[in-house]
């Protein structure tokens, strides 16, 4: 599903530059839970022998964050928001090899500043 909230309408700050907040809808979130595969763990173990960036884990983390971010935007749009401010990520281990990634922020309606 295409998201009606463009990425430039999301800020880690408390405002969207060039806009004013006219309504706040409250907290929104997107949550995904990911696990590492046995093959992925083996590939990552081999990469650690060489050193440097462990691309298998980097890609897994990036996909998890992207999914959580998009889910958060869908939640905000469903509430009637057209922007999200004070956006943050959080991650926690749920079980061995299983991690939750949470994207959250405040859903708001903005309009161009006069």
PDB file of N, CA and C in Angstrom:
ATOM      1  N   UNK A   1       0.844  -1.186   0.000  1.00  0.00           N
ATOM      2  CA  UNK A   1       0.000   0.000   0.000  1.00  0.00           C
ATOM      3  C   UNK A   1       0.884   1.241   0.000  1.00  0.00           C
ATOM      4  N   UNK A   2       0.677   2.137  -0.951  1.00  0.00           N
ATOM      5  CA  UNK A   2       1.424   3.389  -1.003  1.00  0.00           C
ATOM      6  C   UNK A   2       1.023   4.248   0.186  1.00  0.00           C
ATOM      7  N   UNK A   3       2.016   4.904   0.765  1.00  0.00           N
ATOM      8  CA  UNK A   3       1.746   5.688   1.950  1.00  0.00           C
ATOM      9  C   UNK A   3       1.424   7.129   1.599  1.00  0.00           C
ATOM     10  N   UNK A   4       0.309   7.662   2.125  1.00  0.00           N
ATOM     11  CA  UNK A   4      -0.065   9.030   1.811  1.00  0.00           C
ATOM     12  C   UNK A   4       0.774  10.081   2.546  1.00  0.00           C
ATOM     13  N   UNK A   5       1.581   9.686   3.525  1.00  0.00           N
ATOM     14  CA  UNK A   5       2.450  10.639   4.225  1.00  0.00           C
ATOM     15  C   UNK A   5       3.849  10.547   3.618  1.00  0.00           C
ATOM     16  N   UNK A   6       4.292  11.601   2.939  1.00  0.00           N
ATOM     17  CA  UNK A   6       5.625  11.562   2.339  1.00  0.00           C
ATOM     18  C   UNK A   6       6.718  11.602   3.410  1.00  0.00           C
ATOM     19  N   UNK A   7       7.833  11.001   3.116  1.00  0.00           N
ATOM     20  CA  UNK A   7       8.922  10.913   4.086  1.00  0.00           C
ATOM     21  C   UNK A   7       9.432  12.277   4.537  1.00  0.00           C
ATOM     22  N   UNK A   8       9.338  13.300   3.679  1.00  0.00           N
ATOM     23  CA  UNK A   8       9.792  14.632   4.093  1.00  0.00           C
ATOM     24  C   UNK A   8       8.838  15.271   5.107  1.00  0.00           C
ATOM     25  N   UNK A   9       7.710  14.633   5.363  1.00  0.00           N
ATOM     26  CA  UNK A   9       6.757  15.118   6.359  1.00  0.00           C
ATOM     27  C   UNK A   9       6.948  14.395   7.694  1.00  0.00           C
ATOM     28  N   UNK A  10       8.117  13.809   7.902  1.00  0.00           N
ATOM     29  CA  UNK A  10       8.464  13.131   9.153  1.00  0.00           C
ATOM     30  C   UNK A  10       9.718  13.794   9.697  1.00  0.00           C
ATOM     31  N   UNK A  11       9.699  14.086  10.995  1.00  0.00           N
ATOM     32  CA  UNK A  11      10.842  14.760  11.600  1.00  0.00           C
ATOM     33  C   UNK A  11      11.144  14.171  12.971  1.00  0.00           C
ATOM     34  N   UNK A  12      12.424  14.111  13.294  1.00  0.00           N
ATOM     35  CA  UNK A  12      12.812  13.729  14.653  1.00  0.00           C
ATOM     36  C   UNK A  12      12.689  14.931  15.588  1.00  0.00           C
ATOM     37  N   UNK A  13      12.519  16.108  15.014  1.00  0.00           N
ATOM     38  CA  UNK A  13      12.292  17.321  15.810  1.00  0.00           C
ATOM     39  C   UNK A  13      10.822  17.457  16.155  1.00  0.00           C
ATOM     40  N   UNK A  14      10.482  18.585  16.743  1.00  0.00           N
ATOM     41  CA  UNK A  14       9.102  18.818  17.174  1.00  0.00           C
ATOM     42  C   UNK A  14       8.308  19.669  16.198  1.00  0.00           C
ATOM     43  N   UNK A  15       8.840  19.826  14.991  1.00  0.00           N
ATOM     44  CA  UNK A  15       8.145  20.604  13.977  1.00  0.00           C
ATOM     45  C   UNK A  15       8.548  20.127  12.589  1.00  0.00           C
ATOM     46  N   UNK A  16       7.775  20.526  11.604  1.00  0.00           N
ATOM     47  CA  UNK A  16       8.115  20.324  10.201  1.00  0.00           C
ATOM     48  C   UNK A  16       8.441  21.722   9.672  1.00  0.00           C
ATOM     49  N   UNK A  17       9.663  21.924   9.240  1.00  0.00           N
ATOM     50  CA  UNK A  17      10.101  23.239   8.775  1.00  0.00           C
ATOM     51  C   UNK A  17       9.192  23.725   7.645  1.00  0.00           C
ATOM     52  N   UNK A  18       8.745  24.974   7.758  1.00  0.00           N
ATOM     53  CA  UNK A  18       7.881  25.576   6.748  1.00  0.00           C
ATOM     54  C   UNK A  18       6.407  25.287   6.961  1.00  0.00           C
ATOM     55  N   UNK A  19       6.089  24.580   8.024  1.00  0.00           N
ATOM     56  CA  UNK A  19       4.697  24.237   8.317  1.00  0.00           C
ATOM     57  C   UNK A  19       4.370  24.583   9.760  1.00  0.00           C
ATOM     58  N   UNK A  20       3.085  24.690  10.025  1.00  0.00           N
ATOM     59  CA  UNK A  20       2.660  24.836  11.416  1.00  0.00           C
ATOM     60  C   UNK A  20       1.710  23.703  11.754  1.00  0.00           C
ATOM     61  N   UNK A  21       1.826  23.231  12.966  1.00  0.00           N
ATOM     62  CA  UNK A  21       0.969  22.138  13.432  1.00  0.00           C
ATOM     63  C   UNK A  21      -0.383  22.712  13.810  1.00  0.00           C
ATOM     64  N   UNK A  22      -1.446  22.162  13.223  1.00  0.00           N
ATOM     65  CA  UNK A  22      -2.792  22.648  13.514  1.00  0.00           C
ATOM     66  C   UNK A  22      -3.605  21.654  14.337  1.00  0.00           C
ATOM     67  N   UNK A  23      -3.109  20.406  14.417  1.00  0.00           N
ATOM     68  CA  UNK A  23      -3.818  19.396  15.204  1.00  0.00           C
ATOM     69  C   UNK A  23      -2.863  18.263  15.543  1.00  0.00           C
ATOM     70  N   UNK A  24      -2.999  17.752  16.744  1.00  0.00           N
ATOM     71  CA  UNK A  24      -2.208  16.593  17.162  1.00  0.00           C
ATOM     72  C   UNK A  24      -3.157  15.419  17.385  1.00  0.00           C
ATOM     73  N   UNK A  25      -2.768  14.262  16.867  1.00  0.00           N
ATOM     74  CA  UNK A  25      -3.592  13.067  16.994  1.00  0.00           C
ATOM     75  C   UNK A  25      -3.076  12.111  18.062  1.00  0.00           C
ATOM     76  N   UNK A  26      -1.881  12.346  18.553  1.00  0.00           N
ATOM     77  CA  UNK A  26      -1.301  11.479  19.576  1.00  0.00           C
ATOM     78  C   UNK A  26      -0.235  10.553  19.024  1.00  0.00           C
ATOM     79  N   UNK A  27       0.154   9.633  19.851  1.00  0.00           N
ATOM     80  CA  UNK A  27       1.257   8.726  19.526  1.00  0.00           C
ATOM     81  C   UNK A  27       0.838   7.699  18.481  1.00  0.00           C
ATOM     82  N   UNK A  28       1.745   7.459  17.537  1.00  0.00           N
ATOM     83  CA  UNK A  28       1.567   6.399  16.544  1.00  0.00           C
ATOM     84  C   UNK A  28       2.802   5.514  16.572  1.00  0.00           C
ATOM     85  N   UNK A  29       2.633   4.282  16.140  1.00  0.00           N
ATOM     86  CA  UNK A  29       3.761   3.357  16.170  1.00  0.00           C
ATOM     87  C   UNK A  29       3.655   2.351  15.038  1.00  0.00           C
ATOM     88  N   UNK A  30       4.801   1.799  14.732  1.00  0.00           N
ATOM     89  CA  UNK A  30       4.898   0.695  13.789  1.00  0.00           C
ATOM     90  C   UNK A  30       5.856  -0.305  14.404  1.00  0.00           C
ATOM     91  N   UNK A  31       5.468  -1.549  14.464  1.00  0.00           N
ATOM     92  CA  UNK A  31       6.267  -2.574  15.133  1.00  0.00           C
ATOM     93  C   UNK A  31       6.471  -3.761  14.200  1.00  0.00           C
ATOM     94  N   UNK A  32       7.694  -4.235  14.147  1.00  0.00           N
ATOM     95  CA  UNK A  32       7.995  -5.458  13.411  1.00  0.00           C
ATOM     96  C   UNK A  32       8.919  -6.311  14.269  1.00  0.00           C
ATOM     97  N   UNK A  33       8.811  -7.602  14.115  1.00  0.00           N
ATOM     98  CA  UNK A  33       9.668  -8.539  14.846  1.00  0.00           C
ATOM     99  C   UNK A  33      10.377  -9.389  13.810  1.00  0.00           C
ATOM    100  N   UNK A  34      11.700  -9.435  13.914  1.00  0.00           N
ATOM    101  CA  UNK A  34      12.521 -10.148  12.933  1.00  0.00           C
ATOM    102  C   UNK A  34      13.425 -11.153  13.615  1.00  0.00           C
ATOM    103  N   UNK A  35      13.727 -12.212  12.883  1.00  0.00           N
ATOM    104  CA  UNK A  35      14.678 -13.209  13.392  1.00  0.00           C
ATOM    105  C   UNK A  35      15.801 -13.385  12.376  1.00  0.00           C
ATOM    106  N   UNK A  36      16.928 -13.812  12.876  1.00  0.00           N
ATOM    107  CA  UNK A  36      18.061 -14.121  11.999  1.00  0.00           C
ATOM    108  C   UNK A  36      17.949 -15.586  11.597  1.00  0.00           C
ATOM    109  N   UNK A  37      18.197 -15.864  10.334  1.00  0.00           N
ATOM    110  CA  UNK A  37      18.148 -17.249   9.868  1.00  0.00           C
ATOM    111  C   UNK A  37      19.476 -17.940  10.163  1.00  0.00           C
ATOM    112  N   UNK A  38      19.454 -19.260  10.135  1.00  0.00           N
ATOM    113  CA  UNK A  38      20.677 -20.035  10.329  1.00  0.00           C
ATOM    114  C   UNK A  38      21.676 -19.705   9.226  1.00  0.00           C
ATOM    115  N   UNK A  39      21.209 -19.591   7.997  1.00  0.00           N
ATOM    116  CA  UNK A  39      22.076 -19.256   6.868  1.00  0.00           C
ATOM    117  C   UNK A  39      22.658 -17.857   7.063  1.00  0.00           C
ATOM    118  N   UNK A  40      21.819 -16.911   7.515  1.00  0.00           N
ATOM    119  CA  UNK A  40      22.288 -15.553   7.763  1.00  0.00           C
ATOM    120  C   UNK A  40      23.337 -15.508   8.854  1.00  0.00           C
ATOM    121  N   UNK A  41      23.131 -16.289   9.908  1.00  0.00           N
ATOM    122  CA  UNK A  41      24.112 -16.334  10.991  1.00  0.00           C
ATOM    123  C   UNK A  41      25.439 -16.916  10.507  1.00  0.00           C
ATOM    124  N   UNK A  42      25.363 -17.930   9.668  1.00  0.00           N
ATOM    125  CA  UNK A  42      26.580 -18.538   9.133  1.00  0.00           C
ATOM    126  C   UNK A  42      27.334 -17.540   8.248  1.00  0.00           C
ATOM    127  N   UNK A  43      26.597 -16.859   7.379  1.00  0.00           N
ATOM    128  CA  UNK A  43      27.208 -15.856   6.508  1.00  0.00           C
ATOM    129  C   UNK A  43      27.828 -14.725   7.318  1.00  0.00           C
ATOM    130  N   UNK A  44      27.133 -14.286   8.372  1.00  0.00           N
ATOM    131  CA  UNK A  44      27.659 -13.216   9.220  1.00  0.00           C
ATOM    132  C   UNK A  44      28.907 -13.681   9.958  1.00  0.00           C
ATOM    133  N   UNK A  45      28.910 -14.920  10.408  1.00  0.00           N
ATOM    134  CA  UNK A  45      30.093 -15.458  11.093  1.00  0.00           C
ATOM    135  C   UNK A  45      31.296 -15.444  10.167  1.00  0.00           C
ATOM    136  N   UNK A  46      31.081 -15.793   8.896  1.00  0.00           N
ATOM    137  CA  UNK A  46      32.177 -15.753   7.927  1.00  0.00           C
ATOM    138  C   UNK A  46      32.652 -14.315   7.691  1.00  0.00           C
ATOM    139  N   UNK A  47      31.708 -13.380   7.655  1.00  0.00           N
ATOM    140  CA  UNK A  47      32.086 -11.978   7.450  1.00  0.00           C
ATOM    141  C   UNK A  47      32.879 -11.432   8.636  1.00  0.00           C
ATOM    142  N   UNK A  48      32.595 -11.911   9.846  1.00  0.00           N
ATOM    143  CA  UNK A  48      33.344 -11.423  11.010  1.00  0.00           C
ATOM    144  C   UNK A  48      34.799 -11.858  10.949  1.00  0.00           C
ATOM    145  N   UNK A  49      35.076 -12.966  10.281  1.00  0.00           N
ATOM    146  CA  UNK A  49      36.462 -13.410  10.137  1.00  0.00           C
ATOM    147  C   UNK A  49      37.283 -12.434   9.295  1.00  0.00           C
ATOM    148  N   UNK A  50      36.619 -11.846   8.302  1.00  0.00           N
ATOM    149  CA  UNK A  50      37.276 -10.905   7.404  1.00  0.00           C
ATOM    150  C   UNK A  50      37.352  -9.518   8.043  1.00  0.00           C
ATOM    151  N   UNK A  51      36.357  -9.185   8.858  1.00  0.00           N
ATOM    152  CA  UNK A  51      36.297  -7.869   9.489  1.00  0.00           C
ATOM    153  C   UNK A  51      35.488  -6.895   8.660  1.00  0.00           C
ATOM    154  N   UNK A  52      35.208  -5.747   9.236  1.00  0.00           N
ATOM    155  CA  UNK A  52      34.457  -4.708   8.533  1.00  0.00           C
ATOM    156  C   UNK A  52      32.961  -4.833   8.756  1.00  0.00           C
ATOM    157  N   UNK A  53      32.226  -4.204   7.878  1.00  0.00           N
ATOM    158  CA  UNK A  53      30.771  -4.170   7.967  1.00  0.00           C
ATOM    159  C   UNK A  53      30.192  -5.563   7.731  1.00  0.00           C
ATOM    160  N   UNK A  54      29.321  -5.996   8.608  1.00  0.00           N
ATOM    161  CA  UNK A  54      28.648  -7.292   8.454  1.00  0.00           C
ATOM    162  C   UNK A  54      27.353  -7.021   7.700  1.00  0.00           C
ATOM    163  N   UNK A  55      27.440  -7.071   6.383  1.00  0.00           N
ATOM    164  CA  UNK A  55      26.352  -6.621   5.515  1.00  0.00           C
ATOM    165  C   UNK A  55      25.059  -7.407   5.693  1.00  0.00           C
ATOM    166  N   UNK A  56      25.152  -8.672   6.042  1.00  0.00           N
ATOM    167  CA  UNK A  56      23.936  -9.479   6.232  1.00  0.00           C
ATOM    168  C   UNK A  56      23.098  -8.896   7.364  1.00  0.00           C
ATOM    169  N   UNK A  57      23.745  -8.536   8.469  1.00  0.00           N
ATOM    170  CA  UNK A  57      23.019  -7.941   9.593  1.00  0.00           C
ATOM    171  C   UNK A  57      22.598  -6.509   9.289  1.00  0.00           C
ATOM    172  N   UNK A  58      23.427  -5.790   8.551  1.00  0.00           N
ATOM    173  CA  UNK A  58      23.074  -4.419   8.171  1.00  0.00           C
ATOM    174  C   UNK A  58      21.790  -4.417   7.354  1.00  0.00           C
ATOM    175  N   UNK A  59      21.708  -5.305   6.380  1.00  0.00           N
ATOM    176  CA  UNK A  59      20.507  -5.394   5.540  1.00  0.00           C
ATOM    177  C   UNK A  59      19.293  -5.806   6.345  1.00  0.00           C
ATOM    178  N   UNK A  60      19.451  -6.746   7.277  1.00  0.00           N
ATOM    179  CA  UNK A  60      18.343  -7.183   8.129  1.00  0.00           C
ATOM    180  C   UNK A  60      17.834  -6.017   8.979  1.00  0.00           C
ATOM    181  N   UNK A  61      18.757  -5.276   9.577  1.00  0.00           N
ATOM    182  CA  UNK A  61      18.377  -4.131  10.410  1.00  0.00           C
ATOM    183  C   UNK A  61      17.685  -3.058   9.583  1.00  0.00           C
ATOM    184  N   UNK A  62      18.214  -2.773   8.404  1.00  0.00           N
ATOM    185  CA  UNK A  62      17.623  -1.744   7.558  1.00  0.00           C
ATOM    186  C   UNK A  62      16.208  -2.132   7.127  1.00  0.00           C
ATOM    187  N   UNK A  63      16.008  -3.395   6.765  1.00  0.00           N
ATOM    188  CA  UNK A  63      14.666  -3.847   6.374  1.00  0.00           C
ATOM    189  C   UNK A  63      13.689  -3.754   7.539  1.00  0.00           C
ATOM    190  N   UNK A  64      14.130  -4.117   8.726  1.00  0.00           N
ATOM    191  CA  UNK A  64      13.266  -4.054   9.911  1.00  0.00           C
ATOM    192  C   UNK A  64      12.884  -2.606  10.212  1.00  0.00           C
ATOM    193  N   UNK A  65      13.848  -1.692  10.149  1.00  0.00           N
ATOM    194  CA  UNK A  65      13.548  -0.277  10.410  1.00  0.00           C
ATOM    195  C   UNK A  65      12.612   0.290   9.363  1.00  0.00           C
ATOM    196  N   UNK A  66      12.858  -0.057   8.090  1.00  0.00           N
ATOM    197  CA  UNK A  66      11.998   0.436   7.008  1.00  0.00           C
ATOM    198  C   UNK A  66      10.560  -0.046   7.191  1.00  0.00           C
ATOM    199  N   UNK A  67      10.395  -1.316   7.535  1.00  0.00           N
ATOM    200  CA  UNK A  67       9.056  -1.864   7.734  1.00  0.00           C
ATOM    201  C   UNK A  67       8.364  -1.188   8.919  1.00  0.00           C
ATOM    202  N   UNK A  68       9.061  -1.018  10.030  1.00  0.00           N
ATOM    203  CA  UNK A  68       8.477  -0.363  11.202  1.00  0.00           C
ATOM    204  C   UNK A  68       8.090   1.085  10.871  1.00  0.00           C
ATOM    205  N   UNK A  69       8.959   1.782  10.122  1.00  0.00           N
ATOM    206  CA  UNK A  69       8.702   3.167   9.719  1.00  0.00           C
ATOM    207  C   UNK A  69       7.435   3.265   8.872  1.00  0.00           C
ATOM    208  N   UNK A  70       7.318   2.399   7.865  1.00  0.00           N
ATOM    209  CA  UNK A  70       6.140   2.427   6.988  1.00  0.00           C
ATOM    210  C   UNK A  70       4.865   2.087   7.751  1.00  0.00           C
ATOM    211  N   UNK A  71       4.947   1.130   8.683  1.00  0.00           N
ATOM    212  CA  UNK A  71       3.777   0.799   9.502  1.00  0.00           C
ATOM    213  C   UNK A  71       3.357   1.986  10.363  1.00  0.00           C
ATOM    214  N   UNK A  72       4.336   2.725  10.898  1.00  0.00           N
ATOM    215  CA  UNK A  72       4.034   3.918  11.683  1.00  0.00           C
ATOM    216  C   UNK A  72       3.315   4.959  10.820  1.00  0.00           C
ATOM    217  N   UNK A  73       3.791   5.162   9.586  1.00  0.00           N
ATOM    218  CA  UNK A  73       3.162   6.127   8.686  1.00  0.00           C
ATOM    219  C   UNK A  73       1.736   5.707   8.336  1.00  0.00           C
ATOM    220  N   UNK A  74       1.516   4.422   8.141  1.00  0.00           N
ATOM    221  CA  UNK A  74       0.161   3.931   7.867  1.00  0.00           C
ATOM    222  C   UNK A  74      -0.756   4.189   9.057  1.00  0.00           C
ATOM    223  N   UNK A  75      -0.247   3.958  10.267  1.00  0.00           N
ATOM    224  CA  UNK A  75      -1.017   4.212  11.491  1.00  0.00           C
ATOM    225  C   UNK A  75      -1.384   5.693  11.572  1.00  0.00           C
ATOM    226  N   UNK A  76      -0.409   6.582  11.294  1.00  0.00           N
ATOM    227  CA  UNK A  76      -0.659   8.024  11.340  1.00  0.00           C
ATOM    228  C   UNK A  76      -1.701   8.438  10.301  1.00  0.00           C
ATOM    229  N   UNK A  77      -1.571   7.941   9.089  1.00  0.00           N
ATOM    230  CA  UNK A  77      -2.516   8.286   8.024  1.00  0.00           C
ATOM    231  C   UNK A  77      -3.919   7.813   8.360  1.00  0.00           C
ATOM    232  N   UNK A  78      -4.035   6.642   8.974  1.00  0.00           N
ATOM    233  CA  UNK A  78      -5.345   6.111   9.362  1.00  0.00           C
ATOM    234  C   UNK A  78      -6.022   7.000  10.402  1.00  0.00           C
ATOM    235  N   UNK A  79      -5.232   7.734  11.174  1.00  0.00           N
ATOM    236  CA  UNK A  79      -5.782   8.653  12.182  1.00  0.00           C
ATOM    237  C   UNK A  79      -6.156  10.006  11.571  1.00  0.00           C
ATOM    238  N   UNK A  80      -5.753  10.243  10.328  1.00  0.00           N
ATOM    239  CA  UNK A  80      -6.043  11.505   9.665  1.00  0.00           C
ATOM    240  C   UNK A  80      -4.875  12.468   9.629  1.00  0.00           C
ATOM    241  N   UNK A  81      -3.708  12.031  10.053  1.00  0.00           N
ATOM    242  CA  UNK A  81      -2.518  12.890  10.072  1.00  0.00           C
ATOM    243  C   UNK A  81      -1.911  13.007   8.680  1.00  0.00           C
ATOM    244  N   UNK A  82      -1.155  14.083   8.484  1.00  0.00           N
ATOM    245  CA  UNK A  82      -0.395  14.224   7.247  1.00  0.00           C
ATOM    246  C   UNK A  82       1.095  14.422   7.521  1.00  0.00           C
ATOM    247  N   UNK A  83       1.490  14.233   8.805  1.00  0.00           N
ATOM    248  CA  UNK A  83       2.894  14.350   9.188  1.00  0.00           C
ATOM    249  C   UNK A  83       3.110  13.645  10.529  1.00  0.00           C
ATOM    250  N   UNK A  84       4.387  13.392  10.846  1.00  0.00           N
ATOM    251  CA  UNK A  84       4.763  12.808  12.135  1.00  0.00           C
ATOM    252  C   UNK A  84       5.957  13.587  12.661  1.00  0.00           C
ATOM    253  N   UNK A  85       5.874  14.014  13.921  1.00  0.00           N
ATOM    254  CA  UNK A  85       6.992  14.706  14.563  1.00  0.00           C
ATOM    255  C   UNK A  85       7.481  13.882  15.749  1.00  0.00           C
ATOM    256  N   UNK A  86       8.656  14.236  16.241  1.00  0.00           N
ATOM    257  CA  UNK A  86       9.286  13.558  17.384  1.00  0.00           C
ATOM    258  C   UNK A  86       9.436  12.057  17.126  1.00  0.00           C
ATOM    259  N   UNK A  87       9.778  11.701  15.885  1.00  0.00           N
ATOM    260  CA  UNK A  87       9.898  10.297  15.488  1.00  0.00           C
ATOM    261  C   UNK A  87      11.173   9.691  16.071  1.00  0.00           C
ATOM    262  N   UNK A  88      11.058   8.457  16.555  1.00  0.00           N
ATOM    263  CA  UNK A  88      12.180   7.728  17.137  1.00  0.00           C
ATOM    264  C   UNK A  88      12.092   6.249  16.753  1.00  0.00           C
ATOM    265  N   UNK A  89      13.232   5.555  16.923  1.00  0.00           N
ATOM    266  CA  UNK A  89      13.289   4.099  16.796  1.00  0.00           C
ATOM    267  C   UNK A  89      13.684   3.515  18.141  1.00  0.00           C
ATOM    268  N   UNK A  90      13.250   2.292  18.382  1.00  0.00           N
ATOM    269  CA  UNK A  90      13.681   1.536  19.545  1.00  0.00           C
ATOM    270  C   UNK A  90      13.780   0.081  19.100  1.00  0.00           C
ATOM    271  N   UNK A  91      14.670  -0.670  19.712  1.00  0.00           N
ATOM    272  CA  UNK A  91      14.819  -2.092  19.378  1.00  0.00           C
ATOM    273  C   UNK A  91      15.133  -2.862  20.653  1.00  0.00           C
ATOM    274  N   UNK A  92      14.573  -4.046  20.763  1.00  0.00           N
ATOM    275  CA  UNK A  92      14.797  -4.913  21.917  1.00  0.00           C
ATOM    276  C   UNK A  92      14.835  -6.363  21.469  1.00  0.00           C
ATOM    277  N   UNK A  93      15.628  -7.150  22.165  1.00  0.00           N
ATOM    278  CA  UNK A  93      15.620  -8.591  21.917  1.00  0.00           C
ATOM    279  C   UNK A  93      14.398  -9.190  22.590  1.00  0.00           C
ATOM    280  N   UNK A  94      13.657  -9.980  21.839  1.00  0.00           N
ATOM    281  CA  UNK A  94      12.477 -10.660  22.359  1.00  0.00           C
ATOM    282  C   UNK A  94      12.856 -12.061  22.827  1.00  0.00           C
ATOM    283  N   UNK A  95      13.719 -12.698  22.070  1.00  0.00           N
ATOM    284  CA  UNK A  95      14.237 -14.033  22.380  1.00  0.00           C
ATOM    285  C   UNK A  95      15.587 -14.148  21.686  1.00  0.00           C
ATOM    286  N   UNK A  96      16.276 -15.232  21.894  1.00  0.00           N
ATOM    287  CA  UNK A  96      17.576 -15.450  21.246  1.00  0.00           C
ATOM    288  C   UNK A  96      17.422 -15.366  19.733  1.00  0.00           C
ATOM    289  N   UNK A  97      18.074 -14.376  19.128  1.00  0.00           N
ATOM    290  CA  UNK A  97      18.020 -14.224  17.676  1.00  0.00           C
ATOM    291  C   UNK A  97      16.759 -13.570  17.150  1.00  0.00           C
ATOM    292  N   UNK A  98      15.892 -13.062  18.044  1.00  0.00           N
ATOM    293  CA  UNK A  98      14.641 -12.426  17.636  1.00  0.00           C
ATOM    294  C   UNK A  98      14.613 -11.008  18.223  1.00  0.00           C
ATOM    295  N   UNK A  99      14.426 -10.028  17.344  1.00  0.00           N
ATOM    296  CA  UNK A  99      14.458  -8.633  17.765  1.00  0.00           C
ATOM    297  C   UNK A  99      13.205  -7.909  17.293  1.00  0.00           C
ATOM    298  N   UNK A 100      12.678  -7.066  18.175  1.00  0.00           N
ATOM    299  CA  UNK A 100      11.581  -6.193  17.778  1.00  0.00           C
ATOM    300  C   UNK A 100      12.154  -4.832  17.445  1.00  0.00           C
ATOM    301  N   UNK A 101      11.606  -4.203  16.416  1.00  0.00           N
ATOM    302  CA  UNK A 101      11.979  -2.847  16.064  1.00  0.00           C
ATOM    303  C   UNK A 101      10.702  -2.022  16.064  1.00  0.00           C
ATOM    304  N   UNK A 102      10.756  -0.923  16.800  1.00  0.00           N
ATOM    305  CA  UNK A 102       9.603  -0.041  16.959  1.00  0.00           C
ATOM    306  C   UNK A 102       9.953   1.332  16.413  1.00  0.00           C
ATOM    307  N   UNK A 103       9.094   1.870  15.566  1.00  0.00           N
ATOM    308  CA  UNK A 103       9.183   3.255  15.116  1.00  0.00           C
ATOM    309  C   UNK A 103       7.986   3.962  15.733  1.00  0.00           C
ATOM    310  N   UNK A 104       8.214   5.117  16.356  1.00  0.00           N
ATOM    311  CA  UNK A 104       7.097   5.810  16.985  1.00  0.00           C
ATOM    312  C   UNK A 104       7.291   7.321  16.915  1.00  0.00           C
ATOM    313  N   UNK A 105       6.204   8.028  17.072  1.00  0.00           N
ATOM    314  CA  UNK A 105       6.237   9.487  17.031  1.00  0.00           C
ATOM    315  C   UNK A 105       4.852  10.029  17.326  1.00  0.00           C
ATOM    316  N   UNK A 106       4.685  11.324  17.080  1.00  0.00           N
ATOM    317  CA  UNK A 106       3.407  11.977  17.298  1.00  0.00           C
ATOM    318  C   UNK A 106       2.797  12.328  15.947  1.00  0.00           C
ATOM    319  N   UNK A 107       1.598  11.833  15.698  1.00  0.00           N
ATOM    320  CA  UNK A 107       0.888  12.102  14.455  1.00  0.00           C
ATOM    321  C   UNK A 107       0.274  13.493  14.545  1.00  0.00           C
ATOM    322  N   UNK A 108       0.497  14.288  13.503  1.00  0.00           N
ATOM    323  CA  UNK A 108      -0.029  15.653  13.490  1.00  0.00           C
ATOM    324  C   UNK A 108      -0.582  16.000  12.121  1.00  0.00           C
ATOM    325  N   UNK A 109      -1.398  17.035  12.120  1.00  0.00           N
ATOM    326  CA  UNK A 109      -1.845  17.630  10.856  1.00  0.00           C
ATOM    327  C   UNK A 109      -1.118  18.961  10.742  1.00  0.00           C
ATOM    328  N   UNK A 110      -0.464  19.176   9.610  1.00  0.00           N
ATOM    329  CA  UNK A 110       0.255  20.425   9.391  1.00  0.00           C
ATOM    330  C   UNK A 110      -0.303  21.121   8.161  1.00  0.00           C
ATOM    331  N   UNK A 111      -0.065  22.428   8.125  1.00  0.00           N
ATOM    332  CA  UNK A 111      -0.368  23.201   6.928  1.00  0.00           C
ATOM    333  C   UNK A 111       0.778  24.185   6.701  1.00  0.00           C
ATOM    334  N   UNK A 112       0.939  24.643   5.485  1.00  0.00           N
ATOM    335  CA  UNK A 112       2.044  25.566   5.217  1.00  0.00           C
ATOM    336  C   UNK A 112       1.971  26.806   6.121  1.00  0.00           C
ATOM    337  N   UNK A 113       3.127  27.220   6.631  1.00  0.00           N
ATOM    338  CA  UNK A 113       3.186  28.414   7.461  1.00  0.00           C
ATOM    339  C   UNK A 113       2.910  29.638   6.591  1.00  0.00           C
ATOM    340  N   UNK A 114       2.244  30.588   7.177  1.00  0.00           N
ATOM    341  CA  UNK A 114       1.885  31.811   6.420  1.00  0.00           C
ATOM    342  C   UNK A 114       3.087  32.687   6.170  1.00  0.00           C
TER     343      UNK A 114
END
